[in-house]
Protein backbone atom coordinates (compact mmCIF):
# COMPACT_ATOMS: atom_id res chain seq x y z
CA UNK A 1 107.22 -3.19 -19.99
CA UNK A 2 107.77 -6.54 -18.28
CA UNK A 3 111.24 -7.01 -16.82
CA UNK A 4 113.07 -9.89 -15.18
CA UNK A 5 114.45 -8.31 -12.02
CA UNK A 6 117.00 -9.90 -9.71
CA UNK A 7 117.15 -8.87 -6.05
CA UNK A 8 120.40 -9.57 -4.22
CA UNK A 9 122.68 -8.49 -1.42
CA UNK A 10 126.18 -8.17 -2.86
CA UNK A 11 128.75 -10.36 -1.14
CA UNK A 12 132.32 -9.06 -0.79
CA UNK A 13 134.85 -10.68 -3.06
CA UNK A 14 136.47 -13.53 -1.13
CA UNK A 15 139.99 -13.35 0.29
CA UNK A 16 140.78 -16.97 -0.56
CA UNK A 17 143.48 -16.80 -3.29
CA UNK A 18 142.23 -20.09 -4.77
CA UNK A 19 138.76 -18.70 -5.42
CA UNK A 20 138.47 -16.18 -8.23
CA UNK A 21 134.75 -15.61 -8.17
CA UNK A 22 132.12 -13.89 -6.08
CA UNK A 23 129.06 -15.73 -4.71
CA UNK A 24 126.41 -13.69 -6.56
CA UNK A 25 127.96 -14.49 -9.94
CA UNK A 26 126.64 -18.05 -10.01
CA UNK A 27 123.06 -16.90 -9.36
CA UNK A 28 123.22 -14.40 -12.23
CA UNK A 29 124.61 -17.04 -14.59
CA UNK A 30 121.92 -19.51 -13.49
CA UNK A 31 119.15 -17.08 -14.41
CA UNK A 32 120.82 -16.20 -17.70
CA UNK A 33 121.17 -19.88 -18.57
CA UNK A 34 117.41 -20.34 -18.23
CA UNK A 35 116.69 -17.15 -20.19
CA UNK A 36 115.30 -15.43 -17.10
CA UNK A 37 117.30 -12.26 -17.59
CA UNK A 38 118.16 -10.46 -15.55
CA UNK A 39 117.07 -7.24 -17.23
CA UNK A 40 117.73 -5.36 -14.00
CA UNK A 41 119.79 -6.23 -10.92
CA UNK A 42 118.75 -4.42 -7.74
CA UNK A 43 121.73 -4.91 -5.46
CA UNK A 44 121.90 -3.94 -1.80
CA UNK A 45 125.53 -2.91 -1.45
CA UNK A 46 127.25 -2.38 1.89
CA UNK A 47 129.90 0.23 2.49
CA UNK A 48 132.51 -2.53 2.38
CA UNK A 49 131.70 -3.65 -1.18
CA UNK A 50 131.30 -0.06 -2.35
CA UNK A 51 134.46 1.49 -0.92
CA UNK A 52 137.07 -1.16 -0.06
CA UNK A 53 139.40 -2.15 -2.95
CA UNK A 54 139.59 -5.82 -1.99
CA UNK A 55 139.58 -7.30 -5.50
CA UNK A 56 142.97 -7.95 -7.14
CA UNK A 57 142.67 -7.99 -10.92
CA UNK A 58 145.01 -9.95 -13.25
CA UNK A 59 146.69 -6.71 -14.38
CA UNK A 60 147.75 -6.00 -10.81
CA UNK A 61 145.18 -3.31 -10.18
CA UNK A 62 142.67 -3.38 -7.33
CA UNK A 63 139.02 -2.39 -7.27
CA UNK A 64 135.94 -2.62 -5.10
CA UNK A 65 133.55 -5.55 -5.29
CA UNK A 66 130.90 -3.33 -6.90
CA UNK A 67 133.37 -2.16 -9.55
CA UNK A 68 134.44 -5.74 -10.24
CA UNK A 69 130.85 -6.96 -10.50
CA UNK A 70 129.80 -4.10 -12.78
CA UNK A 71 132.88 -3.63 -14.96
CA UNK A 72 134.35 -7.14 -15.11
CA UNK A 73 131.81 -9.83 -14.33
CA UNK A 74 128.68 -8.46 -16.03
CA UNK A 75 130.40 -7.73 -19.38
CA UNK A 76 132.00 -11.19 -19.29
CA UNK A 77 128.50 -12.67 -18.86
CA UNK A 78 127.13 -10.63 -21.75
CA UNK A 79 125.04 -8.41 -19.48
CA UNK A 80 125.23 -4.61 -19.92
CA UNK A 81 126.80 -2.93 -16.89
CA UNK A 82 123.99 -0.36 -16.71
CA UNK A 83 121.57 -3.09 -15.64
CA UNK A 84 123.15 -3.02 -12.19
CA UNK A 85 121.34 -0.65 -9.81
CA UNK A 86 123.30 -0.08 -6.62
CA UNK A 87 121.26 0.52 -3.46
CA UNK A 88 123.68 1.69 -0.75
CA UNK A 89 123.24 0.25 2.74
CA UNK A 90 125.47 0.31 5.84
CA UNK A 91 127.62 -2.69 6.74
CA UNK A 92 125.30 -3.48 9.64
CA UNK A 93 121.63 -2.60 9.30
CA UNK A 94 119.46 -1.61 12.25
CA UNK A 95 115.68 -1.22 11.97
CA UNK A 96 115.99 2.26 10.51
CA UNK A 97 118.47 1.13 7.86
CA UNK A 98 116.31 -1.87 6.98
CA UNK A 99 113.30 0.41 6.53
CA UNK A 100 115.30 2.68 4.24
CA UNK A 101 116.62 -0.28 2.24
CA UNK A 102 113.24 -1.85 1.67
CA UNK A 103 111.76 1.56 0.78
CA UNK A 104 114.43 2.02 -1.90
CA UNK A 105 113.86 -1.50 -3.20
CA UNK A 106 110.10 -1.07 -3.43
CA UNK A 107 110.53 2.21 -5.26
CA UNK A 108 112.51 0.54 -8.03
CA UNK A 109 110.24 -2.47 -8.61
CA UNK A 110 107.59 -1.80 -11.22
CA UNK A 111 104.22 -3.34 -11.96
CA UNK A 112 104.47 -6.36 -14.28
CA UNK A 113 108.06 -7.08 -13.21
CA UNK A 114 108.96 -10.71 -12.56
CA UNK A 115 111.32 -11.16 -9.65
CA UNK A 116 114.08 -13.57 -8.80
CA UNK A 117 115.85 -13.48 -5.45
CA UNK A 118 119.46 -14.41 -4.78
CA UNK A 119 119.96 -15.22 -1.10
CA UNK A 120 123.70 -15.88 -1.41
CA UNK A 121 124.97 -12.77 0.34
CA UNK A 122 124.38 -10.80 3.49
CA UNK A 123 123.43 -11.46 7.07
CA UNK A 124 120.50 -13.71 7.98
CA UNK A 125 118.10 -10.79 8.25
CA UNK A 126 119.00 -9.76 4.70
CA UNK A 127 117.23 -12.81 3.30
CA UNK A 128 114.10 -11.85 5.22
CA UNK A 129 114.43 -8.30 3.90
CA UNK A 130 114.54 -9.42 0.26
CA UNK A 131 111.69 -11.89 0.71
CA UNK A 132 109.60 -9.22 2.47
CA UNK A 133 110.12 -6.82 -0.42
CA UNK A 134 109.04 -9.48 -2.91
CA UNK A 135 105.92 -10.39 -0.94
CA UNK A 136 104.94 -6.74 -0.54
CA UNK A 137 105.22 -6.12 -4.25
CA UNK A 138 103.15 -9.17 -5.06
CA UNK A 139 100.22 -7.73 -3.14
CA UNK A 140 100.82 -4.06 -3.96
CA UNK A 141 101.66 -4.26 -7.67
CA UNK A 142 100.90 -7.84 -8.72
CA UNK A 143 104.61 -8.59 -9.09
CA UNK A 144 105.33 -12.33 -9.17
CA UNK A 145 108.47 -14.04 -7.89
CA UNK A 146 109.66 -16.82 -10.20
CA UNK A 147 112.88 -18.07 -8.61
CA UNK A 148 114.49 -17.98 -5.16
CA UNK A 149 118.04 -19.33 -5.30
CA UNK A 150 121.41 -19.10 -3.61
CA UNK A 151 124.90 -20.25 -4.53
CA UNK A 152 127.35 -22.18 -2.41
CA UNK A 153 131.05 -21.63 -3.08
CA UNK A 154 132.87 -24.95 -3.01
CA UNK A 155 136.49 -25.49 -1.99
CA UNK A 156 137.58 -26.02 -5.59
CA UNK A 157 136.34 -22.57 -6.57
CA UNK A 158 133.17 -23.76 -8.30
CA UNK A 159 129.64 -22.94 -7.18
CA UNK A 160 126.60 -25.05 -6.50
CA UNK A 161 123.14 -23.55 -7.02
CA UNK A 162 120.35 -24.33 -4.55
CA UNK A 163 116.74 -23.58 -5.49
CA UNK A 164 114.50 -22.52 -2.59
CA UNK A 165 111.50 -21.54 -4.70
CA UNK A 166 109.29 -24.21 -3.15
CA UNK A 167 110.06 -22.93 0.33
CA UNK A 168 109.19 -19.42 -0.82
CA UNK A 169 105.88 -20.64 -2.24
CA UNK A 170 104.90 -21.75 1.27
CA UNK A 171 104.21 -18.07 1.91
CA UNK A 172 101.26 -18.52 -0.45
CA UNK A 173 100.08 -21.37 1.75
CA UNK A 174 100.36 -19.14 4.82
CA UNK A 175 98.34 -16.43 3.06
CA UNK A 176 95.72 -18.99 2.07
CA UNK A 177 95.49 -20.30 5.63
CA UNK A 178 95.11 -16.75 6.95
CA UNK A 179 92.26 -16.21 4.50
CA UNK A 180 90.48 -19.34 5.67
CA UNK A 181 90.77 -18.65 9.39
CA UNK A 182 89.71 -15.02 8.97
CA UNK A 183 86.95 -15.38 6.36
CA UNK A 184 86.02 -19.07 6.33
CA UNK A 185 86.69 -19.56 2.62
CA UNK A 186 89.17 -22.11 1.27
CA UNK A 187 89.39 -20.78 -2.29
CA UNK A 188 93.06 -19.78 -1.99
CA UNK A 189 93.93 -23.07 -0.31
CA UNK A 190 92.40 -24.99 -3.19
CA UNK A 191 94.16 -22.75 -5.71
CA UNK A 192 97.46 -23.32 -3.93
CA UNK A 193 96.99 -27.09 -4.10
CA UNK A 194 96.50 -26.97 -7.85
CA UNK A 195 99.46 -24.63 -8.39
CA UNK A 196 101.76 -26.96 -6.46
CA UNK A 197 100.55 -30.06 -8.27
CA UNK A 198 99.11 -31.66 -5.12
CA UNK A 199 96.72 -34.34 -6.35
CA UNK A 200 95.50 -35.98 -3.14
CA UNK A 201 91.75 -36.41 -3.84
CA UNK A 202 90.92 -36.41 -0.12
CA UNK A 203 92.34 -32.90 0.30
CA UNK A 204 90.67 -31.57 -2.84
CA UNK A 205 87.32 -33.03 -1.82
CA UNK A 206 87.56 -31.55 1.68
CA UNK A 207 88.39 -28.07 0.37
CA UNK A 208 85.56 -28.29 -2.17
CA UNK A 209 83.12 -29.13 0.64
CA UNK A 210 84.40 -26.26 2.79
CA UNK A 211 84.06 -23.84 -0.13
CA UNK A 212 80.49 -24.98 -0.77
CA UNK A 213 79.65 -24.35 2.89
CA UNK A 214 81.32 -20.94 2.71
CA UNK A 215 79.45 -20.03 -0.49
CA UNK A 216 76.07 -21.11 0.87
CA UNK A 217 76.70 -19.17 4.06
CA UNK A 218 77.80 -16.05 2.18
CA UNK A 219 74.64 -16.22 0.06
CA UNK A 220 72.48 -16.98 3.13
CA UNK A 221 71.30 -20.33 1.73
CA UNK A 222 70.25 -21.36 5.21
CA UNK A 223 68.53 -24.59 4.20
CA UNK A 224 71.69 -25.94 2.53
CA UNK A 225 74.03 -25.53 5.50
CA UNK A 226 73.22 -28.77 7.32
CA UNK A 227 73.88 -30.79 4.18
CA UNK A 228 77.13 -28.87 3.64
CA UNK A 229 78.30 -29.68 7.17
CA UNK A 230 77.37 -33.31 6.68
CA UNK A 231 79.53 -33.38 3.55
CA UNK A 232 82.43 -31.75 5.44
CA UNK A 233 82.13 -34.35 8.20
CA UNK A 234 82.24 -37.12 5.62
CA UNK A 235 85.26 -35.59 3.86
CA UNK A 236 87.16 -35.29 7.14
CA UNK A 237 86.85 -39.05 7.61
CA UNK A 238 88.70 -39.83 4.37
CA UNK A 239 92.36 -40.59 5.19
CA UNK A 240 94.83 -38.40 3.25
CA UNK A 241 97.76 -39.94 1.44
CA UNK A 242 101.11 -40.22 3.17
CA UNK A 243 103.09 -36.97 3.14
CA UNK A 244 105.71 -36.87 0.39
CA UNK A 245 106.61 -33.17 0.34
CA UNK A 246 106.32 -30.04 2.45
CA UNK A 247 103.03 -29.00 0.89
CA UNK A 248 101.45 -32.36 1.64
CA UNK A 249 102.86 -32.34 5.17
CA UNK A 250 101.42 -28.91 5.98
CA UNK A 251 98.05 -29.82 4.50
CA UNK A 252 97.89 -32.92 6.64
CA UNK A 253 98.59 -30.77 9.70
CA UNK A 254 95.94 -28.35 8.46
CA UNK A 255 93.49 -31.23 8.21
CA UNK A 256 93.67 -31.57 12.00
CA UNK A 257 93.04 -27.84 12.31
CA UNK A 258 89.97 -28.20 10.08
CA UNK A 259 88.62 -30.77 12.51
CA UNK A 260 89.04 -28.30 15.36
CA UNK A 261 87.56 -25.44 13.33
CA UNK A 262 84.38 -27.35 12.50
CA UNK A 263 84.14 -29.38 15.70
CA UNK A 264 81.34 -27.28 17.18
CA UNK A 265 79.42 -27.16 13.91
CA UNK A 266 79.64 -30.91 13.39
CA UNK A 267 78.81 -31.92 16.97
CA UNK A 268 75.07 -31.82 16.31
CA UNK A 269 74.36 -30.93 12.66
CA UNK A 270 70.59 -30.75 13.19
CA UNK A 271 70.74 -28.47 16.23
CA UNK A 272 73.83 -26.36 15.69
CA UNK A 273 72.41 -22.84 15.45
CA UNK A 274 74.48 -21.52 18.41
CA UNK A 275 77.70 -22.86 16.88
CA UNK A 276 76.84 -21.47 13.44
CA UNK A 277 76.12 -18.02 14.86
CA UNK A 278 79.38 -18.02 16.84
CA UNK A 279 81.30 -19.19 13.78
CA UNK A 280 79.84 -16.40 11.66
CA UNK A 281 80.59 -13.80 14.33
CA UNK A 282 84.19 -14.97 14.65
CA UNK A 283 84.60 -14.66 10.88
CA UNK A 284 82.86 -11.26 10.80
CA UNK A 285 79.97 -12.61 8.72
CA UNK A 286 77.43 -10.52 10.61
CA UNK A 287 74.69 -10.35 8.00
CA UNK A 288 74.83 -14.12 7.58
CA UNK A 289 74.56 -14.67 11.35
CA UNK A 290 71.59 -12.30 11.57
CA UNK A 291 69.87 -14.06 8.67
CA UNK A 292 70.40 -17.44 10.32
CA UNK A 293 68.85 -16.15 13.54
CA UNK A 294 65.99 -14.43 11.75
CA UNK A 295 65.02 -17.64 9.97
CA UNK A 296 65.92 -20.33 12.49
CA UNK A 297 65.76 -18.84 15.98
CA UNK A 298 61.93 -18.97 16.39
CA UNK A 299 61.76 -22.70 15.64
CA UNK A 300 64.90 -23.37 17.71
CA UNK A 301 63.45 -21.64 20.77
CA UNK A 302 60.10 -23.42 20.42
CA UNK A 303 61.84 -26.79 20.19
CA UNK A 304 63.36 -26.18 23.62
CA UNK A 305 60.84 -23.98 25.45
CA UNK A 306 57.08 -24.41 25.43
CA UNK A 307 55.30 -21.38 24.01
CA UNK A 308 52.50 -21.37 21.45
CA UNK A 309 49.30 -19.51 20.57
CA UNK A 310 45.99 -20.57 22.05
CA UNK A 311 43.05 -21.29 19.76
CA UNK A 312 42.20 -17.58 19.92
CA UNK A 313 45.76 -16.62 19.07
CA UNK A 314 45.93 -19.18 16.28
CA UNK A 315 42.69 -17.89 14.77
CA UNK A 316 44.14 -14.38 14.67
CA UNK A 317 47.38 -15.61 13.05
CA UNK A 318 45.37 -17.57 10.51
CA UNK A 319 43.34 -14.49 9.65
CA UNK A 320 46.42 -12.58 8.47
CA UNK A 321 47.16 -12.92 4.77
CA UNK A 322 50.90 -12.43 5.17
CA UNK A 323 51.08 -15.54 7.39
CA UNK A 324 49.76 -17.87 4.70
CA UNK A 325 51.94 -20.95 4.33
CA UNK A 326 54.35 -19.95 7.11
CA UNK A 327 55.12 -22.04 10.17
CA UNK A 328 53.36 -20.37 13.10
CA UNK A 329 56.61 -19.77 15.01
CA UNK A 330 57.80 -17.18 12.49
CA UNK A 331 54.92 -14.65 12.70
CA UNK A 332 54.74 -15.16 16.47
CA UNK A 333 58.32 -13.92 16.81
CA UNK A 334 58.62 -11.73 13.74
CA UNK A 335 55.48 -9.66 14.29
CA UNK A 336 54.15 -10.09 17.79
CA UNK A 337 57.28 -10.49 19.91
CA UNK A 338 59.25 -7.99 17.83
CA UNK A 339 56.57 -5.32 18.03
CA UNK A 340 54.90 -6.16 21.36
CA UNK A 341 51.76 -6.59 19.27
CA UNK A 342 48.82 -8.50 20.70
CA UNK A 343 47.02 -11.15 18.69
CA UNK A 344 43.80 -9.17 18.50
CA UNK A 345 42.52 -6.20 16.53
CA UNK A 346 41.76 -3.79 19.36
CA UNK A 347 44.63 -1.85 20.95
CA UNK A 348 47.29 -4.11 19.44
CA UNK A 349 50.42 -2.50 20.94
CA UNK A 350 51.13 -2.94 24.66
CA UNK A 351 54.12 -0.64 24.13
CA UNK A 352 54.42 1.35 20.94
CA UNK A 353 57.84 0.50 19.51
CA UNK A 354 57.12 2.14 16.17
CA UNK A 355 59.78 4.59 15.04
CA UNK A 356 57.64 5.50 12.04
CA UNK A 357 53.86 5.42 11.95
CA UNK A 358 53.47 5.07 8.20
CA UNK A 359 55.34 3.12 5.58
CA UNK A 360 55.60 6.38 3.66
CA UNK A 361 57.86 7.80 6.37
CA UNK A 362 60.86 5.58 5.61
CA UNK A 363 60.87 4.64 1.95
CA UNK A 364 58.17 2.03 2.42
CA UNK A 365 59.59 0.52 5.62
CA UNK A 366 57.91 0.44 9.01
CA UNK A 367 60.71 0.80 11.54
CA UNK A 368 60.54 -0.56 15.08
CA UNK A 369 62.72 -0.01 18.13
CA UNK A 370 63.68 -2.46 20.87
CA UNK A 371 61.92 -2.91 24.20
CA UNK A 372 63.39 -3.28 27.66
CA UNK A 373 62.81 -6.24 29.96
CA UNK A 374 60.09 -4.42 31.93
CA UNK A 375 58.11 -3.70 28.76
CA UNK A 376 58.52 -7.28 27.56
CA UNK A 377 57.30 -8.60 30.91
CA UNK A 378 54.24 -6.33 30.76
CA UNK A 379 53.51 -7.52 27.21
CA UNK A 380 53.71 -11.14 28.35
CA UNK A 381 51.33 -10.38 31.25
CA UNK A 382 48.78 -8.96 28.82
CA UNK A 383 49.03 -11.61 26.14
CA UNK A 384 48.74 -14.41 28.71
CA UNK A 385 45.88 -12.78 30.64
CA UNK A 386 43.90 -12.25 27.43
CA UNK A 387 44.21 -15.91 26.49
CA UNK A 388 46.30 -15.44 23.35
CA UNK A 389 49.38 -17.44 24.36
CA UNK A 390 50.06 -20.47 26.50
CA UNK A 391 53.52 -21.11 27.95
CA UNK A 392 55.35 -23.24 30.45
CA UNK A 393 55.42 -20.77 33.38
CA UNK A 394 58.67 -22.27 34.65
CA UNK A 395 60.56 -20.90 31.64
CA UNK A 396 58.77 -17.57 31.26
CA UNK A 397 61.91 -15.50 31.76
CA UNK A 398 63.78 -17.53 29.11
CA UNK A 399 60.90 -16.91 26.67
CA UNK A 400 60.98 -13.19 27.41
CA UNK A 401 64.75 -13.17 26.87
CA UNK A 402 64.26 -14.96 23.56
CA UNK A 403 61.80 -12.29 22.44
CA UNK A 404 64.14 -9.47 23.49
CA UNK A 405 67.09 -11.07 21.72
CA UNK A 406 65.01 -11.58 18.58
CA UNK A 407 64.06 -7.90 18.61
CA UNK A 408 67.75 -7.01 18.58
CA UNK A 409 68.46 -9.47 15.79
CA UNK A 410 65.72 -8.01 13.62
CA UNK A 411 66.69 -4.41 14.29
CA UNK A 412 70.34 -5.03 13.45
CA UNK A 413 69.35 -6.85 10.29
CA UNK A 414 67.11 -3.95 9.27
CA UNK A 415 69.73 -1.37 10.19
CA UNK A 416 72.33 -3.08 8.02
CA UNK A 417 69.86 -3.40 5.14
CA UNK A 418 68.96 0.30 5.47
CA UNK A 419 72.22 1.64 6.87
CA UNK A 420 71.81 5.04 5.19
CA UNK A 421 68.26 5.53 6.41
CA UNK A 422 68.08 8.66 8.59
CA UNK A 423 64.81 7.45 10.14
CA UNK A 424 66.81 5.43 12.65
CA UNK A 425 67.69 8.69 14.37
CA UNK A 426 64.07 9.39 15.28
CA UNK A 427 64.16 7.64 18.67
CA UNK A 428 67.76 6.99 19.58
CA UNK A 429 66.89 5.45 22.96
CA UNK A 430 65.31 2.50 21.12
CA UNK A 431 68.03 2.15 18.48
CA UNK A 432 70.97 -0.18 18.96
CA UNK A 433 74.48 1.20 18.23
CA UNK A 434 75.36 0.30 14.65
CA UNK A 435 78.99 -0.75 14.88
CA UNK A 436 80.72 -4.10 14.55
CA UNK A 437 81.70 -4.33 18.22
CA UNK A 438 78.09 -4.07 19.41
CA UNK A 439 76.80 -6.38 16.67
CA UNK A 440 79.43 -9.00 17.48
CA UNK A 441 78.64 -8.78 21.19
CA UNK A 442 74.91 -9.14 20.50
CA UNK A 443 75.51 -12.18 18.31
CA UNK A 444 77.68 -13.79 20.96
CA UNK A 445 75.09 -13.05 23.67
CA UNK A 446 72.38 -14.65 21.53
CA UNK A 447 74.59 -17.66 20.76
CA UNK A 448 75.33 -18.11 24.48
CA UNK A 449 71.62 -17.92 25.27
CA UNK A 450 70.75 -20.49 22.60
CA UNK A 451 73.48 -22.77 23.88
CA UNK A 452 72.12 -22.41 27.41
CA UNK A 453 68.61 -23.58 26.46
CA UNK A 454 69.89 -26.29 24.12
CA UNK A 455 69.63 -29.13 26.70
CA UNK A 456 66.07 -28.13 27.60
CA UNK A 457 62.93 -29.81 26.28
CA UNK A 458 59.49 -28.18 26.14
CA UNK A 459 57.28 -29.08 29.10
CA UNK A 460 53.71 -29.04 27.78
CA UNK A 461 51.13 -27.93 30.39
CA UNK A 462 48.45 -30.46 31.26
CA UNK A 463 45.47 -30.40 28.94
CA UNK A 464 47.32 -28.55 26.15
CA UNK A 465 48.06 -30.12 22.78
CA UNK A 466 51.48 -29.12 21.54
CA UNK A 467 51.70 -27.68 18.04
CA UNK A 468 54.55 -28.99 15.87
CA UNK A 469 56.97 -26.13 15.20
CA UNK A 470 56.67 -26.92 11.49
CA UNK A 471 52.87 -26.59 11.41
CA UNK A 472 51.93 -24.01 8.80
CA UNK A 473 49.14 -21.46 8.90
CA UNK A 474 46.39 -21.81 6.27
CA UNK A 475 45.31 -18.95 4.05
CA UNK A 476 43.53 -16.07 5.75
CA UNK A 477 41.11 -13.45 4.53
CA UNK A 478 41.46 -10.61 7.01
CA UNK A 479 43.57 -7.51 6.47
CA UNK A 480 47.25 -7.53 7.32
CA UNK A 481 48.68 -6.51 10.68
């Protein structure tokens, strides 16, 4: 059953003879006036308000503040006394007492309750305690907080109500910002804008562009990312309206943070693979980073380092049916560099990286391990000596590093796709550790490598005609690799 629950710290009845009220009373009456209950009052009550008879009643008797609040004030306000739930706390709360108090509060708040908070009473840390309880219950039991108020006792004995609900709602903004900087999505930020009535079109457009980028990245729509980043760059140029409230002010400050967040991605939208990979790794989007590298790293490397098949190598690539319609850079990396496979039919493996020798051994998947630098160097010796590849010899070690990094990318991608596959235990010395720390380190190493070769341009050897990295392979007729 839904209840309107008021959280408060009970203030002691004042000693001023001209004031015949207690600060929490005004908050209760405010909620009752707006038909917000309360159906239950969870009151943190210190030893002072529970045990000291400081209230002088008109009949000459004295009572404690709790007794006055329960037996005099609540009935006069038309609220049953049994709605008051006393939660005893010491007069001064240390960490242990605060833990006990918040535990008792949380235990009495039920799912579907709607909270109001009265910040009138208690020490400064009490307000934080009540707000913390409310925020915890929002996430734990979907309990919403409708009002955050406090009353100010004036010198004439009347009270003035202050509403701090908008300040409290800034916690939602903080949560939304945390979500963005940890996951890269701005869905909660956009939802917060709508809930607060913020209508600045520049902010809404920017968040929509960021969300589109986040969605395309999450779904590995690699080809759409450059356009998304271009749209974000354009949205960041639109000047926001002048700040008129706290929400608008914080969003304008956040706009500057967006610029910093996307600075690396926007620096060179057509050549930003290193920045994209780093961004994904920082936001723990490992599968997305691996997909980006799988699809874009071969072309990226070949745009900066000269390596391509000779006519003999091209003829072999063209003879493979699975290469039909693909740019030549992809099979070169995906098959030959990843497997140390030569571009010829006889004795194709310089080093056998196969973990399984038949697709039937691993649910239809051929699994390959990773090579070491010595094995990669030997492969490059063989493929060059047999006239299958031509490279710029000055960057041979960078090409070999690219091939080794690509092997790691492909194995991690396959391991994640087949994480429950026991076949990866067949040759543990060629299997990379499958944990987030090693994946993140690998991604950062690859991103650093790609950033290092970014200024380089391919130096084509004399007498060689460079192949465009986008050149596709025509249909073949030979059997697959």
